[in-house]
Amino acid sequence: SDWAVEALCAALRPAVWPECPAHPDSHPLEAGVRGGVVWWSCPRTRQ
């Protein structure tokens, strides 16, 4: 995700990956372990 954000910025594109569907153009999702599996989740709501 860090690589993608930098690469998007260098390509002059919105620097958000993976994009949070609840907050477009705001922040990327975060990867984290929940229930033994890895989810992309909203960092604001933890959804």
PDB file of all heavy atoms in Angstrom:
ATOM      1  N   SER A   1       0.836  -1.194   0.000  1.00  0.00           N
ATOM      2  CA  SER A   1       0.000   0.000   0.000  1.00  0.00           C
ATOM      3  C   SER A   1       0.877   1.252   0.000  1.00  0.00           C
ATOM      4  O   SER A   1       0.604   2.214  -0.731  1.00  0.00           O
ATOM      5  CB  SER A   1      -0.934   0.001   1.209  1.00  0.00           C
ATOM      6  OG  SER A   1      -1.698   1.186   1.241  1.00  0.00           O
ATOM      7  N   ASP A   2       1.931   1.243   0.804  1.00  0.00           N
ATOM      8  CA  ASP A   2       2.859   2.378   0.820  1.00  0.00           C
ATOM      9  C   ASP A   2       3.474   2.591  -0.562  1.00  0.00           C
ATOM     10  O   ASP A   2       3.588   3.721  -1.040  1.00  0.00           O
ATOM     11  CB  ASP A   2       3.960   2.159   1.856  1.00  0.00           C
ATOM     12  CG  ASP A   2       3.461   2.222   3.285  1.00  0.00           C
ATOM     13  OD1 ASP A   2       2.330   2.708   3.523  1.00  0.00           O
ATOM     14  OD2 ASP A   2       4.203   1.766   4.185  1.00  0.00           O
ATOM     15  N   TRP A   3       3.882   1.477  -1.215  1.00  0.00           N
ATOM     16  CA  TRP A   3       4.444   1.584  -2.564  1.00  0.00           C
ATOM     17  C   TRP A   3       3.410   2.202  -3.504  1.00  0.00           C
ATOM     18  O   TRP A   3       3.723   3.110  -4.278  1.00  0.00           O
ATOM     19  CB  TRP A   3       4.876   0.213  -3.106  1.00  0.00           C
ATOM     20  CG  TRP A   3       5.241   0.318  -4.551  1.00  0.00           C
ATOM     21  CD1 TRP A   3       6.457   0.686  -5.066  1.00  0.00           C
ATOM     22  CD2 TRP A   3       4.371   0.152  -5.675  1.00  0.00           C
ATOM     23  NE1 TRP A   3       6.384   0.739  -6.435  1.00  0.00           N
ATOM     24  CE2 TRP A   3       5.116   0.418  -6.835  1.00  0.00           C
ATOM     25  CE3 TRP A   3       3.031  -0.205  -5.807  1.00  0.00           C
ATOM     26  CZ2 TRP A   3       4.573   0.338  -8.113  1.00  0.00           C
ATOM     27  CZ3 TRP A   3       2.479  -0.277  -7.079  1.00  0.00           C
ATOM     28  CH2 TRP A   3       3.247  -0.013  -8.221  1.00  0.00           C
ATOM     29  N   ALA A   4       2.183   1.698  -3.461  1.00  0.00           N
ATOM     30  CA  ALA A   4       1.142   2.159  -4.382  1.00  0.00           C
ATOM     31  C   ALA A   4       0.853   3.644  -4.200  1.00  0.00           C
ATOM     32  O   ALA A   4       0.699   4.372  -5.187  1.00  0.00           O
ATOM     33  CB  ALA A   4      -0.130   1.336  -4.201  1.00  0.00           C
ATOM     34  N   VAL A   5       0.784   4.102  -2.970  1.00  0.00           N
ATOM     35  CA  VAL A   5       0.525   5.522  -2.712  1.00  0.00           C
ATOM     36  C   VAL A   5       1.636   6.379  -3.329  1.00  0.00           C
ATOM     37  O   VAL A   5       1.358   7.390  -3.997  1.00  0.00           O
ATOM     38  CB  VAL A   5       0.379   5.783  -1.195  1.00  0.00           C
ATOM     39  CG1 VAL A   5       0.440   7.264  -0.877  1.00  0.00           C
ATOM     40  CG2 VAL A   5      -0.930   5.177  -0.695  1.00  0.00           C
ATOM     41  N   GLU A   6       2.877   5.980  -3.153  1.00  0.00           N
ATOM     42  CA  GLU A   6       4.005   6.730  -3.735  1.00  0.00           C
ATOM     43  C   GLU A   6       3.974   6.671  -5.262  1.00  0.00           C
ATOM     44  O   GLU A   6       4.209   7.677  -5.935  1.00  0.00           O
ATOM     45  CB  GLU A   6       5.331   6.182  -3.207  1.00  0.00           C
ATOM     46  CG  GLU A   6       5.554   6.422  -1.733  1.00  0.00           C
ATOM     47  CD  GLU A   6       5.623   7.895  -1.363  1.00  0.00           C
ATOM     48  OE1 GLU A   6       6.175   8.701  -2.156  1.00  0.00           O
ATOM     49  OE2 GLU A   6       5.123   8.257  -0.287  1.00  0.00           O
ATOM     50  N   ALA A   7       3.698   5.487  -5.816  1.00  0.00           N
ATOM     51  CA  ALA A   7       3.652   5.337  -7.270  1.00  0.00           C
ATOM     52  C   ALA A   7       2.506   6.142  -7.874  1.00  0.00           C
ATOM     53  O   ALA A   7       2.658   6.743  -8.949  1.00  0.00           O
ATOM     54  CB  ALA A   7       3.533   3.857  -7.635  1.00  0.00           C
ATOM     55  N   LEU A   8       1.357   6.152  -7.224  1.00  0.00           N
ATOM     56  CA  LEU A   8       0.234   6.951  -7.702  1.00  0.00           C
ATOM     57  C   LEU A   8       0.566   8.437  -7.684  1.00  0.00           C
ATOM     58  O   LEU A   8       0.260   9.168  -8.633  1.00  0.00           O
ATOM     59  CB  LEU A   8      -1.013   6.663  -6.864  1.00  0.00           C
ATOM     60  CG  LEU A   8      -1.670   5.314  -7.115  1.00  0.00           C
ATOM     61  CD1 LEU A   8      -2.615   4.965  -5.961  1.00  0.00           C
ATOM     62  CD2 LEU A   8      -2.411   5.316  -8.443  1.00  0.00           C
ATOM     63  N   CYS A   9       1.195   8.869  -6.617  1.00  0.00           N
ATOM     64  CA  CYS A   9       1.601  10.276  -6.512  1.00  0.00           C
ATOM     65  C   CYS A   9       2.572  10.637  -7.644  1.00  0.00           C
ATOM     66  O   CYS A   9       2.419  11.674  -8.292  1.00  0.00           O
ATOM     67  CB  CYS A   9       2.225  10.530  -5.148  1.00  0.00           C
ATOM     68  SG  CYS A   9       2.646  12.250  -4.853  1.00  0.00           S
ATOM     69  N   ALA A  10       3.547   9.780  -7.880  1.00  0.00           N
ATOM     70  CA  ALA A  10       4.525  10.025  -8.948  1.00  0.00           C
ATOM     71  C   ALA A  10       3.856  10.059 -10.317  1.00  0.00           C
ATOM     72  O   ALA A  10       4.313  10.763 -11.221  1.00  0.00           O
ATOM     73  CB  ALA A  10       5.614   8.957  -8.913  1.00  0.00           C
ATOM     74  N   ALA A  11       2.783   9.312 -10.485  1.00  0.00           N
ATOM     75  CA  ALA A  11       2.038   9.290 -11.749  1.00  0.00           C
ATOM     76  C   ALA A  11       0.999  10.411 -11.825  1.00  0.00           C
ATOM     77  O   ALA A  11       0.202  10.454 -12.763  1.00  0.00           O
ATOM     78  CB  ALA A  11       1.358   7.929 -11.924  1.00  0.00           C
ATOM     79  N   LEU A  12       1.007  11.298 -10.823  1.00  0.00           N
ATOM     80  CA  LEU A  12       0.078  12.429 -10.755  1.00  0.00           C
ATOM     81  C   LEU A  12      -1.383  11.976 -10.721  1.00  0.00           C
ATOM     82  O   LEU A  12      -2.265  12.591 -11.311  1.00  0.00           O
ATOM     83  CB  LEU A  12       0.316  13.408 -11.900  1.00  0.00           C
ATOM     84  CG  LEU A  12       1.744  13.966 -12.001  1.00  0.00           C
ATOM     85  CD1 LEU A  12       1.881  14.848 -13.215  1.00  0.00           C
ATOM     86  CD2 LEU A  12       2.136  14.702 -10.715  1.00  0.00           C
ATOM     87  N   ARG A  13      -1.620  10.891  -9.986  1.00  0.00           N
ATOM     88  CA  ARG A  13      -2.965  10.366  -9.778  1.00  0.00           C
ATOM     89  C   ARG A  13      -3.304  10.518  -8.299  1.00  0.00           C
ATOM     90  O   ARG A  13      -2.409  10.691  -7.475  1.00  0.00           O
ATOM     91  CB  ARG A  13      -3.025   8.894 -10.180  1.00  0.00           C
ATOM     92  CG  ARG A  13      -2.833   8.684 -11.668  1.00  0.00           C
ATOM     93  CD  ARG A  13      -2.866   7.204 -11.983  1.00  0.00           C
ATOM     94  NE  ARG A  13      -2.889   6.942 -13.397  1.00  0.00           N
ATOM     95  CZ  ARG A  13      -3.990   6.689 -14.095  1.00  0.00           C
ATOM     96  NH1 ARG A  13      -5.163   6.660 -13.514  1.00  0.00           N
ATOM     97  NH2 ARG A  13      -3.928   6.448 -15.381  1.00  0.00           N
ATOM     98  N   PRO A  14      -4.580  10.432  -7.939  1.00  0.00           N
ATOM     99  CA  PRO A  14      -4.920  10.484  -6.513  1.00  0.00           C
ATOM    100  C   PRO A  14      -4.153   9.398  -5.752  1.00  0.00           C
ATOM    101  O   PRO A  14      -4.186   8.225  -6.103  1.00  0.00           O
ATOM    102  CB  PRO A  14      -6.426  10.217  -6.497  1.00  0.00           C
ATOM    103  CG  PRO A  14      -6.894  10.659  -7.845  1.00  0.00           C
ATOM    104  CD  PRO A  14      -5.763  10.327  -8.793  1.00  0.00           C
ATOM    105  N   ALA A  15      -3.445   9.821  -4.731  1.00  0.00           N
ATOM    106  CA  ALA A  15      -2.525   8.936  -4.001  1.00  0.00           C
ATOM    107  C   ALA A  15      -3.238   8.232  -2.848  1.00  0.00           C
ATOM    108  O   ALA A  15      -2.916   8.440  -1.677  1.00  0.00           O
ATOM    109  CB  ALA A  15      -1.319   9.725  -3.514  1.00  0.00           C
ATOM    110  N   VAL A  16      -4.203   7.398  -3.193  1.00  0.00           N
ATOM    111  CA  VAL A  16      -4.953   6.643  -2.191  1.00  0.00           C
ATOM    112  C   VAL A  16      -5.136   5.220  -2.722  1.00  0.00           C
ATOM    113  O   VAL A  16      -5.816   5.005  -3.726  1.00  0.00           O
ATOM    114  CB  VAL A  16      -6.341   7.274  -1.932  1.00  0.00           C
ATOM    115  CG1 VAL A  16      -7.115   6.462  -0.920  1.00  0.00           C
ATOM    116  CG2 VAL A  16      -6.214   8.714  -1.474  1.00  0.00           C
ATOM    117  N   TRP A  17      -4.497   4.238  -2.050  1.00  0.00           N
ATOM    118  CA  TRP A  17      -4.707   2.821  -2.402  1.00  0.00           C
ATOM    119  C   TRP A  17      -4.444   1.963  -1.193  1.00  0.00           C
ATOM    120  O   TRP A  17      -3.434   2.146  -0.522  1.00  0.00           O
ATOM    121  CB  TRP A  17      -3.817   2.358  -3.555  1.00  0.00           C
ATOM    122  CG  TRP A  17      -4.222   0.969  -3.959  1.00  0.00           C
ATOM    123  CD1 TRP A  17      -5.194   0.642  -4.841  1.00  0.00           C
ATOM    124  CD2 TRP A  17      -3.730  -0.275  -3.442  1.00  0.00           C
ATOM    125  NE1 TRP A  17      -5.335  -0.729  -4.918  1.00  0.00           N
ATOM    126  CE2 TRP A  17      -4.431  -1.308  -4.053  1.00  0.00           C
ATOM    127  CE3 TRP A  17      -2.752  -0.622  -2.499  1.00  0.00           C
ATOM    128  CZ2 TRP A  17      -4.211  -2.650  -3.782  1.00  0.00           C
ATOM    129  CZ3 TRP A  17      -2.530  -1.957  -2.216  1.00  0.00           C
ATOM    130  CH2 TRP A  17      -3.253  -2.958  -2.868  1.00  0.00           C
ATOM    131  N   PRO A  18      -5.312   0.984  -0.957  1.00  0.00           N
ATOM    132  CA  PRO A  18      -6.615   0.821  -1.577  1.00  0.00           C
ATOM    133  C   PRO A  18      -7.587   1.866  -1.032  1.00  0.00           C
ATOM    134  O   PRO A  18      -7.569   2.181   0.153  1.00  0.00           O
ATOM    135  CB  PRO A  18      -7.030  -0.595  -1.200  1.00  0.00           C
ATOM    136  CG  PRO A  18      -6.265  -0.932   0.033  1.00  0.00           C
ATOM    137  CD  PRO A  18      -5.009  -0.113  -0.017  1.00  0.00           C
ATOM    138  N   GLU A  19      -8.406   2.376  -1.905  1.00  0.00           N
ATOM    139  CA  GLU A  19      -9.314   3.463  -1.537  1.00  0.00           C
ATOM    140  C   GLU A  19     -10.443   2.962  -0.645  1.00  0.00           C
ATOM    141  O   GLU A  19     -11.048   1.929  -0.902  1.00  0.00           O
ATOM    142  CB  GLU A  19      -9.895   4.094  -2.791  1.00  0.00           C
ATOM    143  CG  GLU A  19     -10.729   5.306  -2.499  1.00  0.00           C
ATOM    144  CD  GLU A  19     -11.162   6.026  -3.759  1.00  0.00           C
ATOM    145  OE1 GLU A  19     -11.307   5.371  -4.813  1.00  0.00           O
ATOM    146  OE2 GLU A  19     -11.365   7.235  -3.672  1.00  0.00           O
ATOM    147  N   CYS A  20     -10.720   3.713   0.395  1.00  0.00           N
ATOM    148  CA  CYS A  20     -11.824   3.387   1.298  1.00  0.00           C
ATOM    149  C   CYS A  20     -13.130   3.748   0.608  1.00  0.00           C
ATOM    150  O   CYS A  20     -13.349   4.917   0.266  1.00  0.00           O
ATOM    151  CB  CYS A  20     -11.686   4.170   2.604  1.00  0.00           C
ATOM    152  SG  CYS A  20     -13.034   3.867   3.765  1.00  0.00           S
ATOM    153  N   PRO A  21     -14.024   2.779   0.395  1.00  0.00           N
ATOM    154  CA  PRO A  21     -15.281   3.095  -0.291  1.00  0.00           C
ATOM    155  C   PRO A  21     -16.203   3.999   0.515  1.00  0.00           C
ATOM    156  O   PRO A  21     -17.024   4.703  -0.055  1.00  0.00           O
ATOM    157  CB  PRO A  21     -15.918   1.722  -0.523  1.00  0.00           C
ATOM    158  CG  PRO A  21     -15.293   0.818   0.467  1.00  0.00           C
ATOM    159  CD  PRO A  21     -13.913   1.363   0.737  1.00  0.00           C
ATOM    160  N   ALA A  22     -16.051   4.016   1.826  1.00  0.00           N
ATOM    161  CA  ALA A  22     -16.893   4.872   2.668  1.00  0.00           C
ATOM    162  C   ALA A  22     -16.403   6.316   2.695  1.00  0.00           C
ATOM    163  O   ALA A  22     -17.171   7.221   3.020  1.00  0.00           O
ATOM    164  CB  ALA A  22     -16.945   4.323   4.091  1.00  0.00           C
ATOM    165  N   HIS A  23     -15.139   6.520   2.355  1.00  0.00           N
ATOM    166  CA  HIS A  23     -14.538   7.858   2.399  1.00  0.00           C
ATOM    167  C   HIS A  23     -13.667   8.069   1.154  1.00  0.00           C
ATOM    168  O   HIS A  23     -12.440   8.141   1.263  1.00  0.00           O
ATOM    169  CB  HIS A  23     -13.705   8.028   3.675  1.00  0.00           C
ATOM    170  CG  HIS A  23     -14.447   7.687   4.920  1.00  0.00           C
ATOM    171  ND1 HIS A  23     -14.255   6.514   5.611  1.00  0.00           N
ATOM    172  CD2 HIS A  23     -15.416   8.364   5.573  1.00  0.00           C
ATOM    173  CE1 HIS A  23     -15.062   6.479   6.659  1.00  0.00           C
ATOM    174  NE2 HIS A  23     -15.783   7.589   6.663  1.00  0.00           N
ATOM    175  N   PRO A  24     -14.258   8.172  -0.032  1.00  0.00           N
ATOM    176  CA  PRO A  24     -13.482   8.290  -1.271  1.00  0.00           C
ATOM    177  C   PRO A  24     -12.531   9.485  -1.249  1.00  0.00           C
ATOM    178  O   PRO A  24     -12.825  10.530  -0.669  1.00  0.00           O
ATOM    179  CB  PRO A  24     -14.556   8.479  -2.346  1.00  0.00           C
ATOM    180  CG  PRO A  24     -15.810   7.953  -1.736  1.00  0.00           C
ATOM    181  CD  PRO A  24     -15.692   8.189  -0.259  1.00  0.00           C
ATOM    182  N   ASP A  25     -11.376   9.285  -1.877  1.00  0.00           N
ATOM    183  CA  ASP A  25     -10.335  10.324  -1.994  1.00  0.00           C
ATOM    184  C   ASP A  25      -9.877  10.858  -0.643  1.00  0.00           C
ATOM    185  O   ASP A  25      -9.390  11.981  -0.547  1.00  0.00           O
ATOM    186  CB  ASP A  25     -10.799  11.481  -2.877  1.00  0.00           C
ATOM    187  CG  ASP A  25     -11.050  11.044  -4.307  1.00  0.00           C
ATOM    188  OD1 ASP A  25     -10.291  10.190  -4.801  1.00  0.00           O
ATOM    189  OD2 ASP A  25     -12.001  11.555  -4.927  1.00  0.00           O
ATOM    190  N   SER A  26     -10.053  10.083   0.405  1.00  0.00           N
ATOM    191  CA  SER A  26      -9.719  10.541   1.746  1.00  0.00           C
ATOM    192  C   SER A  26      -8.520   9.807   2.334  1.00  0.00           C
ATOM    193  O   SER A  26      -7.557  10.426   2.753  1.00  0.00           O
ATOM    194  CB  SER A  26     -10.941  10.365   2.650  1.00  0.00           C
ATOM    195  OG  SER A  26     -10.646  10.711   3.970  1.00  0.00           O
ATOM    196  N   HIS A  27      -8.610   8.494   2.377  1.00  0.00           N
ATOM    197  CA  HIS A  27      -7.534   7.702   2.986  1.00  0.00           C
ATOM    198  C   HIS A  27      -7.578   6.276   2.444  1.00  0.00           C
ATOM    199  O   HIS A  27      -8.625   5.811   2.003  1.00  0.00           O
ATOM    200  CB  HIS A  27      -7.674   7.670   4.519  1.00  0.00           C
ATOM    201  CG  HIS A  27      -8.975   7.120   4.973  1.00  0.00           C
ATOM    202  ND1 HIS A  27     -10.017   7.922   5.361  1.00  0.00           N
ATOM    203  CD2 HIS A  27      -9.444   5.849   5.076  1.00  0.00           C
ATOM    204  CE1 HIS A  27     -11.051   7.173   5.702  1.00  0.00           C
ATOM    205  NE2 HIS A  27     -10.736   5.895   5.526  1.00  0.00           N
ATOM    206  N   PRO A  28      -6.415   5.620   2.502  1.00  0.00           N
ATOM    207  CA  PRO A  28      -6.408   4.210   2.098  1.00  0.00           C
ATOM    208  C   PRO A  28      -6.950   3.323   3.208  1.00  0.00           C
ATOM    209  O   PRO A  28      -6.987   3.706   4.383  1.00  0.00           O
ATOM    210  CB  PRO A  28      -4.927   3.917   1.847  1.00  0.00           C
ATOM    211  CG  PRO A  28      -4.177   4.938   2.611  1.00  0.00           C
ATOM    212  CD  PRO A  28      -5.077   6.135   2.762  1.00  0.00           C
ATOM    213  N   LEU A  29      -7.372   2.142   2.803  1.00  0.00           N
ATOM    214  CA  LEU A  29      -7.721   1.112   3.778  1.00  0.00           C
ATOM    215  C   LEU A  29      -6.447   0.631   4.452  1.00  0.00           C
ATOM    216  O   LEU A  29      -5.350   0.805   3.923  1.00  0.00           O
ATOM    217  CB  LEU A  29      -8.405  -0.062   3.067  1.00  0.00           C
ATOM    218  CG  LEU A  29      -9.718   0.263   2.360  1.00  0.00           C
ATOM    219  CD1 LEU A  29     -10.163  -0.924   1.514  1.00  0.00           C
ATOM    220  CD2 LEU A  29     -10.787   0.645   3.363  1.00  0.00           C
ATOM    221  N   GLU A  30      -6.593   0.018   5.614  1.00  0.00           N
ATOM    222  CA  GLU A  30      -5.452  -0.557   6.328  1.00  0.00           C
ATOM    223  C   GLU A  30      -5.614  -2.063   6.402  1.00  0.00           C
ATOM    224  O   GLU A  30      -6.722  -2.569   6.589  1.00  0.00           O
ATOM    225  CB  GLU A  30      -5.378  -0.006   7.755  1.00  0.00           C
ATOM    226  CG  GLU A  30      -5.026   1.451   7.826  1.00  0.00           C
ATOM    227  CD  GLU A  30      -4.957   1.959   9.263  1.00  0.00           C
ATOM    228  OE1 GLU A  30      -5.454   1.271  10.185  1.00  0.00           O
ATOM    229  OE2 GLU A  30      -4.426   3.053   9.446  1.00  0.00           O
ATOM    230  N   ALA A  31      -4.506  -2.766   6.277  1.00  0.00           N
ATOM    231  CA  ALA A  31      -4.529  -4.218   6.413  1.00  0.00           C
ATOM    232  C   ALA A  31      -4.316  -4.579   7.873  1.00  0.00           C
ATOM    233  O   ALA A  31      -3.458  -4.006   8.543  1.00  0.00           O
ATOM    234  CB  ALA A  31      -3.441  -4.851   5.551  1.00  0.00           C
ATOM    235  N   GLY A  32      -5.109  -5.531   8.361  1.00  0.00           N
ATOM    236  CA  GLY A  32      -4.964  -5.981   9.733  1.00  0.00           C
ATOM    237  C   GLY A  32      -5.606  -7.336   9.938  1.00  0.00           C
ATOM    238  O   GLY A  32      -6.477  -7.741   9.160  1.00  0.00           O
ATOM    239  N   VAL A  33      -5.162  -8.006  10.967  1.00  0.00           N
ATOM    240  CA  VAL A  33      -5.660  -9.343  11.273  1.00  0.00           C
ATOM    241  C   VAL A  33      -6.878  -9.221  12.170  1.00  0.00           C
ATOM    242  O   VAL A  33      -6.856  -8.511  13.178  1.00  0.00           O
ATOM    243  CB  VAL A  33      -4.570 -10.191  11.961  1.00  0.00           C
ATOM    244  CG1 VAL A  33      -5.090 -11.582  12.285  1.00  0.00           C
ATOM    245  CG2 VAL A  33      -3.317 -10.262  11.103  1.00  0.00           C
ATOM    246  N   ARG A  34      -7.937  -9.916  11.776  1.00  0.00           N
ATOM    247  CA  ARG A  34      -9.175  -9.948  12.550  1.00  0.00           C
ATOM    248  C   ARG A  34      -9.736 -11.361  12.444  1.00  0.00           C
ATOM    249  O   ARG A  34      -9.980 -11.839  11.342  1.00  0.00           O
ATOM    250  CB  ARG A  34     -10.161  -8.939  11.989  1.00  0.00           C
ATOM    251  CG  ARG A  34     -11.454  -8.852  12.776  1.00  0.00           C
ATOM    252  CD  ARG A  34     -12.419  -7.890  12.146  1.00  0.00           C
ATOM    253  NE  ARG A  34     -11.910  -6.525  12.295  1.00  0.00           N
ATOM    254  CZ  ARG A  34     -12.675  -5.459  12.372  1.00  0.00           C
ATOM    255  NH1 ARG A  34     -13.978  -5.575  12.302  1.00  0.00           N
ATOM    256  NH2 ARG A  34     -12.160  -4.268  12.510  1.00  0.00           N
ATOM    257  N   GLY A  35      -9.906 -12.014  13.562  1.00  0.00           N
ATOM    258  CA  GLY A  35     -10.432 -13.374  13.550  1.00  0.00           C
ATOM    259  C   GLY A  35      -9.536 -14.358  12.821  1.00  0.00           C
ATOM    260  O   GLY A  35     -10.022 -15.311  12.236  1.00  0.00           O
ATOM    261  N   GLY A  36      -8.241 -14.085  12.826  1.00  0.00           N
ATOM    262  CA  GLY A  36      -7.280 -14.986  12.189  1.00  0.00           C
ATOM    263  C   GLY A  36      -7.128 -14.816  10.693  1.00  0.00           C
ATOM    264  O   GLY A  36      -6.366 -15.541  10.068  1.00  0.00           O
ATOM    265  N   VAL A  37      -7.867 -13.866  10.091  1.00  0.00           N
ATOM    266  CA  VAL A  37      -7.740 -13.583   8.662  1.00  0.00           C
ATOM    267  C   VAL A  37      -7.377 -12.110   8.481  1.00  0.00           C
ATOM    268  O   VAL A  37      -7.555 -11.298   9.384  1.00  0.00           O
ATOM    269  CB  VAL A  37      -9.018 -13.940   7.872  1.00  0.00           C
ATOM    270  CG1 VAL A  37      -9.296 -15.434   7.911  1.00  0.00           C
ATOM    271  CG2 VAL A  37     -10.206 -13.177   8.400  1.00  0.00           C
ATOM    272  N   VAL A  38      -6.900 -11.785   7.286  1.00  0.00           N
ATOM    273  CA  VAL A  38      -6.410 -10.426   7.035  1.00  0.00           C
ATOM    274  C   VAL A  38      -7.417  -9.668   6.184  1.00  0.00           C
ATOM    275  O   VAL A  38      -7.769 -10.090   5.081  1.00  0.00           O
ATOM    276  CB  VAL A  38      -5.029 -10.451   6.361  1.00  0.00           C
ATOM    277  CG1 VAL A  38      -4.481  -9.035   6.233  1.00  0.00           C
ATOM    278  CG2 VAL A  38      -4.061 -11.316   7.160  1.00  0.00           C
ATOM    279  N   TRP A  39      -7.871  -8.568   6.740  1.00  0.00           N
ATOM    280  CA  TRP A  39      -8.862  -7.705   6.107  1.00  0.00           C
ATOM    281  C   TRP A  39      -8.254  -6.364   5.732  1.00  0.00           C
ATOM    282  O   TRP A  39      -7.384  -5.850   6.430  1.00  0.00           O
ATOM    283  CB  TRP A  39      -9.997  -7.407   7.089  1.00  0.00           C
ATOM    284  CG  TRP A  39     -10.895  -8.547   7.382  1.00  0.00           C
ATOM    285  CD1 TRP A  39     -10.754  -9.474   8.370  1.00  0.00           C
ATOM    286  CD2 TRP A  39     -12.095  -8.871   6.699  1.00  0.00           C
ATOM    287  NE1 TRP A  39     -11.790 -10.357   8.342  1.00  0.00           N
ATOM    288  CE2 TRP A  39     -12.638 -10.009   7.319  1.00  0.00           C
ATOM    289  CE3 TRP A  39     -12.768  -8.315   5.614  1.00  0.00           C
ATOM    290  CZ2 TRP A  39     -13.820 -10.595   6.890  1.00  0.00           C
ATOM    291  CZ3 TRP A  39     -13.953  -8.900   5.197  1.00  0.00           C
ATOM    292  CH2 TRP A  39     -14.461 -10.031   5.826  1.00  0.00           C
ATOM    293  N   TRP A  40      -8.763  -5.776   4.664  1.00  0.00           N
ATOM    294  CA  TRP A  40      -8.602  -4.348   4.418  1.00  0.00           C
ATOM    295  C   TRP A  40      -9.764  -3.688   5.152  1.00  0.00           C
ATOM    296  O   TRP A  40     -10.920  -4.059   4.945  1.00  0.00           O
ATOM    297  CB  TRP A  40      -8.708  -4.024   2.927  1.00  0.00           C
ATOM    298  CG  TRP A  40      -7.579  -4.506   2.073  1.00  0.00           C
ATOM    299  CD1 TRP A  40      -7.638  -5.482   1.120  1.00  0.00           C
ATOM    300  CD2 TRP A  40      -6.244  -4.000   2.044  1.00  0.00           C
ATOM    301  NE1 TRP A  40      -6.419  -5.617   0.512  1.00  0.00           N
ATOM    302  CE2 TRP A  40      -5.541  -4.719   1.056  1.00  0.00           C
ATOM    303  CE3 TRP A  40      -5.566  -3.011   2.762  1.00  0.00           C
ATOM    304  CZ2 TRP A  40      -4.203  -4.485   0.763  1.00  0.00           C
ATOM    305  CZ3 TRP A  40      -4.232  -2.780   2.474  1.00  0.00           C
ATOM    306  CH2 TRP A  40      -3.563  -3.505   1.490  1.00  0.00           C
ATOM    307  N   SER A  41      -9.476  -2.742   6.040  1.00  0.00           N
ATOM    308  CA  SER A  41     -10.513  -2.076   6.843  1.00  0.00           C
ATOM    309  C   SER A  41     -10.330  -0.571   6.799  1.00  0.00           C
ATOM    310  O   SER A  41      -9.225  -0.063   6.612  1.00  0.00           O
ATOM    311  CB  SER A  41     -10.428  -2.539   8.306  1.00  0.00           C
ATOM    312  OG  SER A  41     -10.631  -3.917   8.407  1.00  0.00           O
ATOM    313  N   CYS A  42     -11.433   0.131   7.040  1.00  0.00           N
ATOM    314  CA  CYS A  42     -11.395   1.591   7.145  1.00  0.00           C
ATOM    315  C   CYS A  42     -10.655   1.961   8.421  1.00  0.00           C
ATOM    316  O   CYS A  42     -11.013   1.475   9.503  1.00  0.00           O
ATOM    317  CB  CYS A  42     -12.814   2.150   7.170  1.00  0.00           C
ATOM    318  SG  CYS A  42     -12.877   3.934   7.485  1.00  0.00           S
ATOM    319  N   PRO A  43      -9.640   2.829   8.348  1.00  0.00           N
ATOM    320  CA  PRO A  43      -8.930   3.209   9.565  1.00  0.00           C
ATOM    321  C   PRO A  43      -9.747   4.105  10.497  1.00  0.00           C
ATOM    322  O   PRO A  43      -9.451   4.192  11.681  1.00  0.00           O
ATOM    323  CB  PRO A  43      -7.694   3.942   9.049  1.00  0.00           C
ATOM    324  CG  PRO A  43      -8.092   4.447   7.703  1.00  0.00           C
ATOM    325  CD  PRO A  43      -9.071   3.443   7.155  1.00  0.00           C
ATOM    326  N   ARG A  44     -10.789   4.735   9.979  1.00  0.00           N
ATOM    327  CA  ARG A  44     -11.634   5.593  10.818  1.00  0.00           C
ATOM    328  C   ARG A  44     -12.660   4.776  11.599  1.00  0.00           C
ATOM    329  O   ARG A  44     -12.833   4.957  12.801  1.00  0.00           O
ATOM    330  CB  ARG A  44     -12.367   6.628   9.974  1.00  0.00           C
ATOM    331  CG  ARG A  44     -11.492   7.718   9.447  1.00  0.00           C
ATOM    332  CD  ARG A  44     -12.325   8.766   8.762  1.00  0.00           C
ATOM    333  NE  ARG A  44     -11.473   9.716   8.064  1.00  0.00           N
ATOM    334  CZ  ARG A  44     -11.905  10.562   7.161  1.00  0.00           C
ATOM    335  NH1 ARG A  44     -13.181  10.594   6.826  1.00  0.00           N
ATOM    336  NH2 ARG A  44     -11.079  11.389   6.572  1.00  0.00           N
ATOM    337  N   THR A  45     -13.373   3.912  10.891  1.00  0.00           N
ATOM    338  CA  THR A  45     -14.471   3.174  11.516  1.00  0.00           C
ATOM    339  C   THR A  45     -14.081   1.765  11.954  1.00  0.00           C
ATOM    340  O   THR A  45     -14.834   1.127  12.680  1.00  0.00           O
ATOM    341  CB  THR A  45     -15.649   3.041  10.533  1.00  0.00           C
ATOM    342  OG1 THR A  45     -15.244   2.214   9.424  1.00  0.00           O
ATOM    343  CG2 THR A  45     -16.113   4.404  10.041  1.00  0.00           C
ATOM    344  N   ARG A  46     -12.946   1.281  11.447  1.00  0.00           N
ATOM    345  CA  ARG A  46     -12.472  -0.091  11.693  1.00  0.00           C
ATOM    346  C   ARG A  46     -13.377  -1.130  11.022  1.00  0.00           C
ATOM    347  O   ARG A  46     -13.259  -2.314  11.274  1.00  0.00           O
ATOM    348  CB  ARG A  46     -12.312  -0.409  13.183  1.00  0.00           C
ATOM    349  CG  ARG A  46     -11.357   0.496  13.894  1.00  0.00           C
ATOM    350  CD  ARG A  46      -9.956   0.227  13.430  1.00  0.00           C
ATOM    351  NE  ARG A  46      -9.023   1.134  14.101  1.00  0.00           N
ATOM    352  CZ  ARG A  46      -7.979   1.663  13.513  1.00  0.00           C
ATOM    353  NH1 ARG A  46      -7.716   1.388  12.267  1.00  0.00           N
ATOM    354  NH2 ARG A  46      -7.186   2.466  14.172  1.00  0.00           N
ATOM    355  N   GLN A  47     -14.290  -0.688  10.170  1.00  0.00           N
ATOM    356  CA  GLN A  47     -15.191  -1.593   9.460  1.00  0.00           C
ATOM    357  C   GLN A  47     -14.413  -2.349   8.382  1.00  0.00           C
ATOM    358  O   GLN A  47     -13.762  -1.737   7.547  1.00  0.00           O
ATOM    359  CB  GLN A  47     -16.328  -0.806   8.809  1.00  0.00           C
ATOM    360  CG  GLN A  47     -17.314  -1.655   8.057  1.00  0.00           C
ATOM    361  CD  GLN A  47     -18.107  -2.569   8.982  1.00  0.00           C
ATOM    362  OE1 GLN A  47     -18.416  -2.218  10.105  1.00  0.00           O
ATOM    363  NE2 GLN A  47     -18.426  -3.747   8.493  1.00  0.00           N
TER     364      GLN A  47
END
